[in-house]
């Protein structure tokens, strides 16, 4: 079990902090997978369960055009963020809804005879923070060498970084201290 403040033990002076209320959160014992679910893992679920995702049933999903989000027909869990077929199945699965993820967790729970579910916000943030009190588990900044994000918008006044405009293979970045 662990304790942490919902505002991640960060000082009130942190940049872009917002109007978060400090309060202590108790996080009970839980396990979290080392990586997010890959296209390959989700494909196994689809093949074994014959489940149809919300995007499959609706015939479309929302994709990133490079400037804005837009609906695109024929996009589902097999696709990348731009709506093209994801050929490298070791990338995170995208274009899945909360309903789809819940069904995946139910399927995996039955398959492995254990309980799988989405983490709460507190459960997600606790291991991501990895016991640090800085804005990022990497310290005062997070660079595009440490995580995949739009490096055109760096935190605070840090230097700009890369912007791959796509997901990266699961495990592409060094893990945090935990």
N, C-alpha and C. Protein backbone atom coordinates (compact mmCIF):
# COMPACT_ATOMS: atom_id res chain seq x y z
N UNK A 1 0.84 -1.17 0.00
CA UNK A 1 0.00 0.00 0.00
C UNK A 1 0.88 1.23 0.00
N UNK A 2 0.43 2.27 -0.63
CA UNK A 2 1.19 3.50 -0.65
C UNK A 2 0.29 4.70 -0.47
N UNK A 3 0.89 5.77 -0.03
CA UNK A 3 0.17 7.02 0.10
C UNK A 3 0.82 8.04 -0.80
N UNK A 4 0.03 8.92 -1.32
CA UNK A 4 0.57 10.06 -2.05
C UNK A 4 -0.51 11.11 -2.11
N UNK A 5 -0.12 12.29 -2.40
CA UNK A 5 -1.11 13.37 -2.52
C UNK A 5 -1.64 13.34 -3.93
N UNK A 6 -2.91 13.60 -4.09
CA UNK A 6 -3.51 13.55 -5.43
C UNK A 6 -2.80 14.51 -6.37
N UNK A 7 -2.18 15.53 -5.84
CA UNK A 7 -1.46 16.47 -6.68
C UNK A 7 0.01 16.06 -6.78
N UNK A 8 0.26 14.79 -6.49
CA UNK A 8 1.55 14.16 -6.71
C UNK A 8 2.67 14.74 -5.88
N UNK A 9 2.35 15.24 -4.69
CA UNK A 9 3.33 15.78 -3.77
C UNK A 9 4.13 16.92 -4.37
N UNK A 10 3.55 17.61 -5.28
CA UNK A 10 4.26 18.69 -5.96
C UNK A 10 3.96 20.02 -5.29
N UNK A 11 4.91 20.90 -5.30
CA UNK A 11 4.70 22.20 -4.65
C UNK A 11 3.67 23.05 -5.38
N UNK A 12 3.05 23.94 -4.63
CA UNK A 12 2.07 24.85 -5.22
C UNK A 12 2.68 25.73 -6.29
N UNK A 13 4.00 25.88 -6.26
CA UNK A 13 4.68 26.76 -7.21
C UNK A 13 4.95 26.08 -8.56
N UNK A 14 4.57 24.82 -8.72
CA UNK A 14 4.83 24.14 -9.99
C UNK A 14 4.11 24.83 -11.14
N UNK A 15 4.80 24.98 -12.26
CA UNK A 15 4.25 25.62 -13.44
C UNK A 15 3.04 24.84 -13.96
N UNK A 16 2.02 25.54 -14.39
CA UNK A 16 0.80 24.96 -14.97
C UNK A 16 0.09 24.00 -14.03
N UNK A 17 0.22 24.20 -12.77
CA UNK A 17 -0.35 23.31 -11.78
C UNK A 17 -1.88 23.30 -11.79
N UNK A 18 -2.51 24.42 -12.04
CA UNK A 18 -3.96 24.47 -12.03
C UNK A 18 -4.51 24.64 -10.64
N UNK A 19 -5.79 24.41 -10.48
CA UNK A 19 -6.47 24.58 -9.19
C UNK A 19 -6.73 23.25 -8.52
N UNK A 20 -5.71 22.45 -8.36
CA UNK A 20 -5.88 21.15 -7.72
C UNK A 20 -5.93 21.32 -6.21
N UNK A 21 -6.76 20.55 -5.58
CA UNK A 21 -6.87 20.56 -4.13
C UNK A 21 -5.97 19.48 -3.56
N UNK A 22 -5.13 19.85 -2.62
CA UNK A 22 -4.26 18.86 -1.98
C UNK A 22 -5.07 17.99 -1.03
N UNK A 23 -4.96 16.71 -1.18
CA UNK A 23 -5.49 15.79 -0.19
C UNK A 23 -4.78 14.46 -0.36
N UNK A 24 -4.69 13.74 0.74
CA UNK A 24 -3.98 12.47 0.71
C UNK A 24 -4.87 11.38 0.14
N UNK A 25 -4.28 10.52 -0.66
CA UNK A 25 -4.99 9.42 -1.28
C UNK A 25 -4.33 8.13 -0.85
N UNK A 26 -5.12 7.16 -0.44
CA UNK A 26 -4.60 5.86 -0.06
C UNK A 26 -4.73 4.94 -1.26
N UNK A 27 -3.64 4.36 -1.68
CA UNK A 27 -3.63 3.44 -2.80
C UNK A 27 -3.41 2.04 -2.25
N UNK A 28 -4.41 1.18 -2.38
CA UNK A 28 -4.29 -0.20 -1.91
C UNK A 28 -3.37 -0.99 -2.84
N UNK A 29 -2.98 -2.17 -2.40
CA UNK A 29 -2.13 -3.02 -3.22
C UNK A 29 -2.78 -3.27 -4.57
N UNK A 30 -1.98 -3.21 -5.61
CA UNK A 30 -2.45 -3.52 -6.95
C UNK A 30 -1.24 -3.83 -7.82
N UNK A 31 -1.49 -4.48 -8.91
CA UNK A 31 -0.46 -4.76 -9.90
C UNK A 31 -0.78 -3.96 -11.15
N UNK A 32 0.27 -3.59 -11.85
CA UNK A 32 0.08 -2.91 -13.13
C UNK A 32 1.05 -3.52 -14.12
N UNK A 33 0.58 -3.71 -15.33
CA UNK A 33 1.45 -4.27 -16.37
C UNK A 33 2.62 -3.33 -16.63
N UNK A 34 3.72 -3.91 -17.03
CA UNK A 34 4.90 -3.11 -17.33
C UNK A 34 4.68 -2.21 -18.54
N UNK A 35 3.92 -2.71 -19.51
CA UNK A 35 3.67 -1.97 -20.75
C UNK A 35 2.18 -1.86 -21.01
N UNK A 36 1.83 -0.94 -21.89
CA UNK A 36 0.45 -0.84 -22.36
C UNK A 36 0.16 -2.02 -23.28
N UNK A 37 -1.10 -2.25 -23.56
CA UNK A 37 -1.51 -3.36 -24.43
C UNK A 37 -1.11 -3.06 -25.87
N UNK A 38 -0.48 -4.03 -26.50
CA UNK A 38 -0.03 -3.86 -27.88
C UNK A 38 -1.12 -4.29 -28.87
N UNK A 39 -0.92 -3.91 -30.11
CA UNK A 39 -1.82 -4.35 -31.19
C UNK A 39 -1.85 -5.88 -31.22
N UNK A 40 -0.71 -6.52 -31.07
CA UNK A 40 -0.63 -7.98 -31.10
C UNK A 40 -1.46 -8.61 -29.99
N UNK A 41 -1.36 -8.08 -28.77
CA UNK A 41 -2.12 -8.61 -27.66
C UNK A 41 -3.63 -8.41 -27.88
N UNK A 42 -3.99 -7.23 -28.36
CA UNK A 42 -5.40 -6.96 -28.61
C UNK A 42 -5.93 -7.84 -29.74
N UNK A 43 -5.11 -8.10 -30.72
CA UNK A 43 -5.50 -8.98 -31.83
C UNK A 43 -5.82 -10.38 -31.32
N UNK A 44 -5.03 -10.87 -30.37
CA UNK A 44 -5.30 -12.18 -29.78
C UNK A 44 -6.68 -12.19 -29.13
N UNK A 45 -6.99 -11.14 -28.38
CA UNK A 45 -8.30 -11.00 -27.77
C UNK A 45 -9.41 -11.03 -28.83
N UNK A 46 -9.26 -10.25 -29.88
CA UNK A 46 -10.27 -10.18 -30.94
C UNK A 46 -10.47 -11.56 -31.58
N UNK A 47 -9.38 -12.24 -31.88
CA UNK A 47 -9.46 -13.55 -32.55
C UNK A 47 -10.10 -14.60 -31.65
N UNK A 48 -9.76 -14.59 -30.37
CA UNK A 48 -10.28 -15.61 -29.46
C UNK A 48 -11.71 -15.32 -29.00
N UNK A 49 -12.11 -14.08 -28.98
CA UNK A 49 -13.42 -13.74 -28.44
C UNK A 49 -14.47 -13.38 -29.49
N UNK A 50 -14.02 -13.10 -30.72
CA UNK A 50 -14.92 -12.62 -31.77
C UNK A 50 -15.58 -11.30 -31.41
N UNK A 51 -14.97 -10.54 -30.52
CA UNK A 51 -15.50 -9.24 -30.11
C UNK A 51 -15.36 -8.23 -31.24
N UNK A 52 -16.36 -7.39 -31.38
CA UNK A 52 -16.31 -6.27 -32.34
C UNK A 52 -16.24 -4.98 -31.55
N UNK A 53 -15.20 -4.20 -31.81
CA UNK A 53 -15.01 -2.94 -31.08
C UNK A 53 -16.06 -1.91 -31.48
N UNK A 54 -16.14 -0.86 -30.68
CA UNK A 54 -17.06 0.24 -31.00
C UNK A 54 -16.71 0.85 -32.35
N UNK A 55 -15.42 0.99 -32.66
CA UNK A 55 -15.01 1.54 -33.96
C UNK A 55 -15.40 0.60 -35.09
N UNK A 56 -15.28 -0.71 -34.87
CA UNK A 56 -15.71 -1.68 -35.89
C UNK A 56 -17.21 -1.56 -36.15
N UNK A 57 -17.99 -1.48 -35.08
CA UNK A 57 -19.44 -1.38 -35.22
C UNK A 57 -19.86 -0.04 -35.82
N UNK A 58 -19.16 1.02 -35.45
CA UNK A 58 -19.51 2.35 -35.97
C UNK A 58 -18.92 2.66 -37.33
N UNK A 59 -17.91 1.87 -37.73
CA UNK A 59 -17.31 2.04 -39.05
C UNK A 59 -16.32 3.18 -39.17
N UNK A 60 -15.94 3.78 -38.03
CA UNK A 60 -14.98 4.88 -38.09
C UNK A 60 -14.37 5.13 -36.72
N UNK A 61 -13.33 5.95 -36.72
CA UNK A 61 -12.72 6.42 -35.49
C UNK A 61 -12.15 7.80 -35.76
N UNK A 62 -11.64 8.41 -34.73
CA UNK A 62 -11.06 9.75 -34.84
C UNK A 62 -9.56 9.62 -35.01
N UNK A 63 -9.01 10.33 -35.99
CA UNK A 63 -7.57 10.28 -36.28
C UNK A 63 -6.97 11.68 -36.20
N UNK A 64 -5.67 11.72 -36.04
CA UNK A 64 -4.92 12.98 -35.99
C UNK A 64 -4.43 13.31 -37.39
N UNK A 65 -4.81 14.47 -37.88
CA UNK A 65 -4.42 14.89 -39.23
C UNK A 65 -3.08 15.61 -39.25
N UNK A 66 -2.49 15.84 -38.08
CA UNK A 66 -1.28 16.63 -37.98
C UNK A 66 -1.59 18.03 -37.48
N UNK A 67 -2.85 18.41 -37.61
CA UNK A 67 -3.29 19.73 -37.14
C UNK A 67 -4.54 19.64 -36.27
N UNK A 68 -5.38 18.64 -36.54
CA UNK A 68 -6.61 18.50 -35.76
C UNK A 68 -7.10 17.06 -35.81
N UNK A 69 -8.03 16.74 -34.92
CA UNK A 69 -8.66 15.44 -34.88
C UNK A 69 -9.84 15.44 -35.83
N UNK A 70 -10.05 14.34 -36.56
CA UNK A 70 -11.20 14.24 -37.46
C UNK A 70 -11.63 12.78 -37.57
N UNK A 71 -12.90 12.57 -37.87
CA UNK A 71 -13.43 11.22 -38.06
C UNK A 71 -12.96 10.68 -39.41
N UNK A 72 -12.64 9.38 -39.41
CA UNK A 72 -12.21 8.74 -40.65
C UNK A 72 -12.84 7.35 -40.72
N UNK A 73 -13.47 7.05 -41.83
CA UNK A 73 -14.13 5.76 -42.03
C UNK A 73 -13.09 4.65 -42.14
N UNK A 74 -13.48 3.46 -41.67
CA UNK A 74 -12.65 2.28 -41.81
C UNK A 74 -11.51 2.16 -40.80
N UNK A 75 -11.46 3.05 -39.84
CA UNK A 75 -10.38 3.04 -38.84
C UNK A 75 -10.83 2.25 -37.62
N UNK A 76 -9.96 1.36 -37.15
CA UNK A 76 -10.25 0.59 -35.95
C UNK A 76 -8.93 0.24 -35.24
N UNK A 77 -8.98 -0.71 -34.33
CA UNK A 77 -7.84 -1.09 -33.49
C UNK A 77 -6.63 -1.54 -34.30
N UNK A 78 -6.79 -1.91 -35.53
CA UNK A 78 -5.66 -2.34 -36.37
C UNK A 78 -4.84 -1.16 -36.89
N UNK A 79 -5.33 0.05 -36.67
CA UNK A 79 -4.76 1.26 -37.28
C UNK A 79 -3.90 2.07 -36.31
N UNK A 80 -3.05 2.91 -36.88
CA UNK A 80 -2.25 3.83 -36.09
C UNK A 80 -3.02 5.12 -35.86
N UNK A 81 -2.38 6.12 -35.25
CA UNK A 81 -3.09 7.36 -34.92
C UNK A 81 -3.57 8.11 -36.15
N UNK A 82 -2.96 7.89 -37.29
CA UNK A 82 -3.38 8.56 -38.52
C UNK A 82 -4.42 7.76 -39.30
N UNK A 83 -4.73 6.56 -38.81
CA UNK A 83 -5.75 5.75 -39.46
C UNK A 83 -5.22 4.77 -40.49
N UNK A 84 -3.90 4.64 -40.56
CA UNK A 84 -3.28 3.67 -41.48
C UNK A 84 -3.06 2.36 -40.75
N UNK A 85 -3.00 1.25 -41.49
CA UNK A 85 -2.76 -0.04 -40.86
C UNK A 85 -1.45 0.00 -40.07
N UNK A 86 -1.51 -0.46 -38.82
CA UNK A 86 -0.31 -0.52 -37.96
C UNK A 86 0.40 -1.84 -38.26
N UNK A 87 1.46 -1.76 -39.02
CA UNK A 87 2.17 -2.98 -39.44
C UNK A 87 3.00 -3.59 -38.31
N UNK A 88 3.59 -2.75 -37.47
CA UNK A 88 4.39 -3.22 -36.33
C UNK A 88 3.43 -3.43 -35.16
N UNK A 89 3.15 -4.67 -34.86
CA UNK A 89 2.15 -4.99 -33.85
C UNK A 89 2.66 -4.85 -32.42
N UNK A 90 3.88 -4.33 -32.26
CA UNK A 90 4.42 -4.08 -30.92
C UNK A 90 4.19 -2.63 -30.50
N UNK A 91 3.35 -1.92 -31.23
CA UNK A 91 2.94 -0.56 -30.85
C UNK A 91 1.70 -0.66 -29.97
N UNK A 92 1.41 0.38 -29.19
CA UNK A 92 0.18 0.36 -28.38
C UNK A 92 -1.06 0.30 -29.26
N UNK A 93 -2.05 -0.42 -28.81
CA UNK A 93 -3.32 -0.43 -29.54
C UNK A 93 -3.99 0.92 -29.31
N UNK A 94 -4.54 1.48 -30.36
CA UNK A 94 -5.28 2.75 -30.29
C UNK A 94 -6.63 2.55 -30.95
N UNK A 95 -7.46 3.54 -30.91
CA UNK A 95 -8.82 3.47 -31.47
C UNK A 95 -9.67 2.42 -30.75
N UNK A 96 -9.47 2.34 -29.44
CA UNK A 96 -10.31 1.48 -28.62
C UNK A 96 -11.02 2.35 -27.59
N UNK A 97 -12.24 2.00 -27.30
CA UNK A 97 -13.06 2.75 -26.35
C UNK A 97 -12.95 2.15 -24.95
N UNK A 98 -13.55 2.85 -24.00
CA UNK A 98 -13.63 2.32 -22.64
C UNK A 98 -14.36 0.99 -22.67
N UNK A 99 -15.42 0.88 -23.47
CA UNK A 99 -16.17 -0.39 -23.58
C UNK A 99 -15.25 -1.50 -24.07
N UNK A 100 -14.45 -1.19 -25.09
CA UNK A 100 -13.55 -2.19 -25.66
C UNK A 100 -12.52 -2.66 -24.64
N UNK A 101 -11.98 -1.71 -23.90
CA UNK A 101 -10.96 -2.05 -22.90
C UNK A 101 -11.57 -2.85 -21.77
N UNK A 102 -12.77 -2.52 -21.38
CA UNK A 102 -13.45 -3.28 -20.34
C UNK A 102 -13.67 -4.72 -20.79
N UNK A 103 -14.09 -4.91 -22.02
CA UNK A 103 -14.27 -6.27 -22.56
C UNK A 103 -12.93 -7.01 -22.63
N UNK A 104 -11.87 -6.31 -23.01
CA UNK A 104 -10.53 -6.92 -23.03
C UNK A 104 -10.16 -7.39 -21.62
N UNK A 105 -10.37 -6.53 -20.63
CA UNK A 105 -10.05 -6.89 -19.25
C UNK A 105 -10.87 -8.09 -18.77
N UNK A 106 -12.15 -8.12 -19.11
CA UNK A 106 -13.00 -9.25 -18.73
C UNK A 106 -12.50 -10.54 -19.38
N UNK A 107 -12.15 -10.47 -20.65
CA UNK A 107 -11.62 -11.63 -21.38
C UNK A 107 -10.32 -12.11 -20.74
N UNK A 108 -9.41 -11.18 -20.47
CA UNK A 108 -8.12 -11.55 -19.88
C UNK A 108 -8.30 -12.12 -18.48
N UNK A 109 -9.24 -11.57 -17.72
CA UNK A 109 -9.52 -12.07 -16.37
C UNK A 109 -9.95 -13.53 -16.42
N UNK A 110 -10.85 -13.87 -17.35
CA UNK A 110 -11.29 -15.26 -17.49
C UNK A 110 -10.16 -16.15 -17.98
N UNK A 111 -9.40 -15.66 -18.93
CA UNK A 111 -8.32 -16.45 -19.53
C UNK A 111 -7.24 -16.80 -18.51
N UNK A 112 -6.89 -15.84 -17.66
CA UNK A 112 -5.80 -16.04 -16.71
C UNK A 112 -6.28 -16.29 -15.28
N UNK A 113 -7.59 -16.36 -15.08
CA UNK A 113 -8.18 -16.62 -13.76
C UNK A 113 -7.64 -15.63 -12.72
N UNK A 114 -7.69 -14.36 -13.07
CA UNK A 114 -7.28 -13.27 -12.20
C UNK A 114 -8.14 -12.06 -12.56
N UNK A 115 -8.09 -11.05 -11.74
CA UNK A 115 -8.90 -9.87 -12.02
C UNK A 115 -8.04 -8.81 -12.69
N UNK A 116 -8.48 -8.39 -13.88
CA UNK A 116 -7.82 -7.32 -14.61
C UNK A 116 -8.84 -6.20 -14.83
N UNK A 117 -8.37 -4.96 -14.68
CA UNK A 117 -9.23 -3.80 -14.85
C UNK A 117 -8.35 -2.59 -15.14
N UNK A 118 -9.00 -1.52 -15.55
CA UNK A 118 -8.28 -0.27 -15.72
C UNK A 118 -7.91 0.27 -14.34
N UNK A 119 -6.76 0.91 -14.21
CA UNK A 119 -6.41 1.50 -12.91
C UNK A 119 -7.22 2.78 -12.67
N UNK A 120 -7.38 3.12 -11.41
CA UNK A 120 -7.96 4.42 -11.08
C UNK A 120 -6.92 5.49 -11.42
N UNK A 121 -7.33 6.74 -11.39
CA UNK A 121 -6.37 7.82 -11.66
C UNK A 121 -5.22 7.77 -10.65
N UNK A 122 -5.55 7.57 -9.39
CA UNK A 122 -4.52 7.51 -8.36
C UNK A 122 -3.59 6.31 -8.58
N UNK A 123 -4.16 5.16 -8.93
CA UNK A 123 -3.33 3.98 -9.20
C UNK A 123 -2.43 4.20 -10.40
N UNK A 124 -2.89 4.92 -11.39
CA UNK A 124 -2.08 5.19 -12.58
C UNK A 124 -0.94 6.14 -12.23
N UNK A 125 -1.25 7.21 -11.52
CA UNK A 125 -0.24 8.23 -11.24
C UNK A 125 0.81 7.76 -10.25
N UNK A 126 0.44 6.92 -9.31
CA UNK A 126 1.39 6.47 -8.29
C UNK A 126 2.62 5.78 -8.91
N UNK A 127 2.49 4.77 -9.73
CA UNK A 127 3.70 4.17 -10.32
C UNK A 127 4.34 5.05 -11.40
N UNK A 128 3.56 5.86 -12.08
CA UNK A 128 4.16 6.76 -13.07
C UNK A 128 5.09 7.76 -12.40
N UNK A 129 4.70 8.23 -11.24
CA UNK A 129 5.51 9.18 -10.49
C UNK A 129 6.74 8.50 -9.91
N UNK A 130 6.64 7.21 -9.60
CA UNK A 130 7.75 6.40 -9.09
C UNK A 130 8.43 7.01 -7.87
N UNK A 131 7.63 7.57 -6.98
CA UNK A 131 8.17 8.07 -5.72
C UNK A 131 8.84 9.43 -5.80
N UNK A 132 8.79 10.09 -6.92
CA UNK A 132 9.45 11.40 -7.04
C UNK A 132 8.50 12.52 -6.62
N UNK A 133 9.05 13.69 -6.38
CA UNK A 133 8.25 14.86 -6.04
C UNK A 133 8.46 15.97 -7.06
N UNK A 134 9.08 15.66 -8.16
CA UNK A 134 9.30 16.63 -9.23
C UNK A 134 8.17 16.54 -10.24
N UNK A 135 8.06 17.49 -11.16
CA UNK A 135 6.96 17.43 -12.13
C UNK A 135 6.92 16.14 -12.94
N UNK A 136 8.07 15.52 -13.16
CA UNK A 136 8.15 14.27 -13.92
C UNK A 136 9.03 13.29 -13.16
N UNK A 137 8.87 12.01 -13.41
CA UNK A 137 9.74 11.04 -12.72
C UNK A 137 11.19 11.21 -13.18
N UNK A 138 11.38 11.93 -14.27
CA UNK A 138 12.71 12.20 -14.81
C UNK A 138 13.32 13.47 -14.23
N UNK A 139 12.58 14.17 -13.40
CA UNK A 139 13.08 15.41 -12.81
C UNK A 139 12.21 16.60 -13.17
N UNK A 140 12.85 17.73 -13.38
CA UNK A 140 12.14 18.98 -13.65
C UNK A 140 11.66 19.11 -15.09
N UNK A 141 12.07 18.20 -15.95
CA UNK A 141 11.67 18.27 -17.35
C UNK A 141 11.51 16.87 -17.91
N UNK A 142 10.80 16.76 -18.99
CA UNK A 142 10.63 15.51 -19.72
C UNK A 142 10.95 15.82 -21.17
N UNK A 143 11.98 15.19 -21.71
CA UNK A 143 12.38 15.46 -23.09
C UNK A 143 11.81 14.41 -24.03
N UNK A 144 11.89 14.67 -25.30
CA UNK A 144 11.40 13.71 -26.29
C UNK A 144 12.35 12.53 -26.45
N UNK A 145 13.48 12.56 -25.76
CA UNK A 145 14.34 11.37 -25.68
C UNK A 145 13.86 10.45 -24.57
N UNK A 146 12.97 10.96 -23.70
CA UNK A 146 12.47 10.20 -22.56
C UNK A 146 11.02 9.75 -22.73
N UNK A 147 10.29 10.39 -23.62
CA UNK A 147 8.88 10.05 -23.83
C UNK A 147 8.43 10.57 -25.19
N UNK A 148 7.36 9.99 -25.68
CA UNK A 148 6.81 10.36 -26.98
C UNK A 148 5.71 11.40 -26.80
N UNK A 149 6.01 12.62 -27.18
CA UNK A 149 5.01 13.69 -27.17
C UNK A 149 5.40 14.73 -28.21
N UNK A 150 4.55 15.71 -28.42
CA UNK A 150 4.83 16.76 -29.39
C UNK A 150 5.88 17.70 -28.83
N UNK A 151 7.11 17.51 -29.25
CA UNK A 151 8.24 18.30 -28.77
C UNK A 151 8.21 19.75 -29.18
N UNK A 152 7.24 20.14 -30.00
CA UNK A 152 7.08 21.56 -30.35
C UNK A 152 6.52 22.35 -29.17
N UNK A 153 6.01 21.63 -28.17
CA UNK A 153 5.43 22.27 -27.00
C UNK A 153 6.08 21.74 -25.72
N UNK A 154 7.35 22.09 -25.51
CA UNK A 154 8.05 21.58 -24.32
C UNK A 154 7.53 22.23 -23.04
N UNK A 155 7.77 21.55 -21.96
CA UNK A 155 7.37 22.04 -20.64
C UNK A 155 8.22 23.24 -20.27
N UNK A 156 7.57 24.25 -19.72
CA UNK A 156 8.24 25.49 -19.30
C UNK A 156 9.04 26.07 -20.47
N UNK A 157 10.25 26.48 -20.23
CA UNK A 157 11.07 27.08 -21.29
C UNK A 157 12.15 26.14 -21.77
N UNK A 158 11.90 24.87 -21.72
CA UNK A 158 12.89 23.89 -22.14
C UNK A 158 12.99 23.86 -23.67
N UNK A 159 14.09 23.33 -24.19
CA UNK A 159 14.26 23.29 -25.65
C UNK A 159 13.21 22.41 -26.33
N UNK A 160 12.88 22.77 -27.55
CA UNK A 160 11.97 21.94 -28.34
C UNK A 160 12.62 20.59 -28.62
N UNK A 161 11.78 19.62 -28.90
CA UNK A 161 12.26 18.28 -29.20
C UNK A 161 11.62 17.74 -30.46
N UNK A 162 11.70 16.43 -30.60
CA UNK A 162 11.13 15.74 -31.77
C UNK A 162 9.61 15.67 -31.68
N UNK A 163 9.00 15.45 -32.80
CA UNK A 163 7.56 15.22 -32.87
C UNK A 163 7.32 14.13 -33.90
N UNK A 164 7.33 12.86 -33.47
CA UNK A 164 7.20 11.76 -34.43
C UNK A 164 5.81 11.63 -35.07
N UNK A 165 4.79 12.23 -34.48
CA UNK A 165 3.42 12.18 -35.00
C UNK A 165 2.87 10.77 -35.10
N UNK A 166 3.39 9.87 -34.29
CA UNK A 166 2.91 8.49 -34.26
C UNK A 166 3.32 7.86 -32.95
N UNK A 167 2.75 6.71 -32.66
CA UNK A 167 3.16 5.97 -31.47
C UNK A 167 4.54 5.36 -31.73
N UNK A 168 5.17 4.92 -30.68
CA UNK A 168 6.45 4.22 -30.80
C UNK A 168 6.27 2.81 -30.23
N UNK A 169 7.17 1.93 -30.59
CA UNK A 169 7.12 0.57 -30.08
C UNK A 169 7.10 0.57 -28.55
N UNK A 170 6.30 -0.30 -28.00
CA UNK A 170 6.25 -0.45 -26.56
C UNK A 170 7.66 -0.80 -26.08
N UNK A 171 8.12 -0.12 -25.04
CA UNK A 171 9.45 -0.34 -24.49
C UNK A 171 10.54 0.48 -25.15
N UNK A 172 10.18 1.46 -25.96
CA UNK A 172 11.16 2.27 -26.68
C UNK A 172 11.92 3.24 -25.77
N UNK A 173 11.36 3.56 -24.62
CA UNK A 173 11.99 4.54 -23.72
C UNK A 173 12.40 3.86 -22.44
N UNK A 174 13.40 4.42 -21.79
CA UNK A 174 13.84 3.87 -20.51
C UNK A 174 12.71 3.92 -19.50
N UNK A 175 12.58 2.91 -18.66
CA UNK A 175 11.53 2.92 -17.65
C UNK A 175 11.88 3.88 -16.51
N UNK A 176 10.87 4.20 -15.70
CA UNK A 176 11.16 5.02 -14.53
C UNK A 176 11.84 4.16 -13.46
N UNK A 177 12.12 4.75 -12.32
CA UNK A 177 12.87 4.07 -11.27
C UNK A 177 12.19 2.85 -10.67
N UNK A 178 10.90 2.70 -10.89
CA UNK A 178 10.20 1.54 -10.35
C UNK A 178 10.08 0.46 -11.39
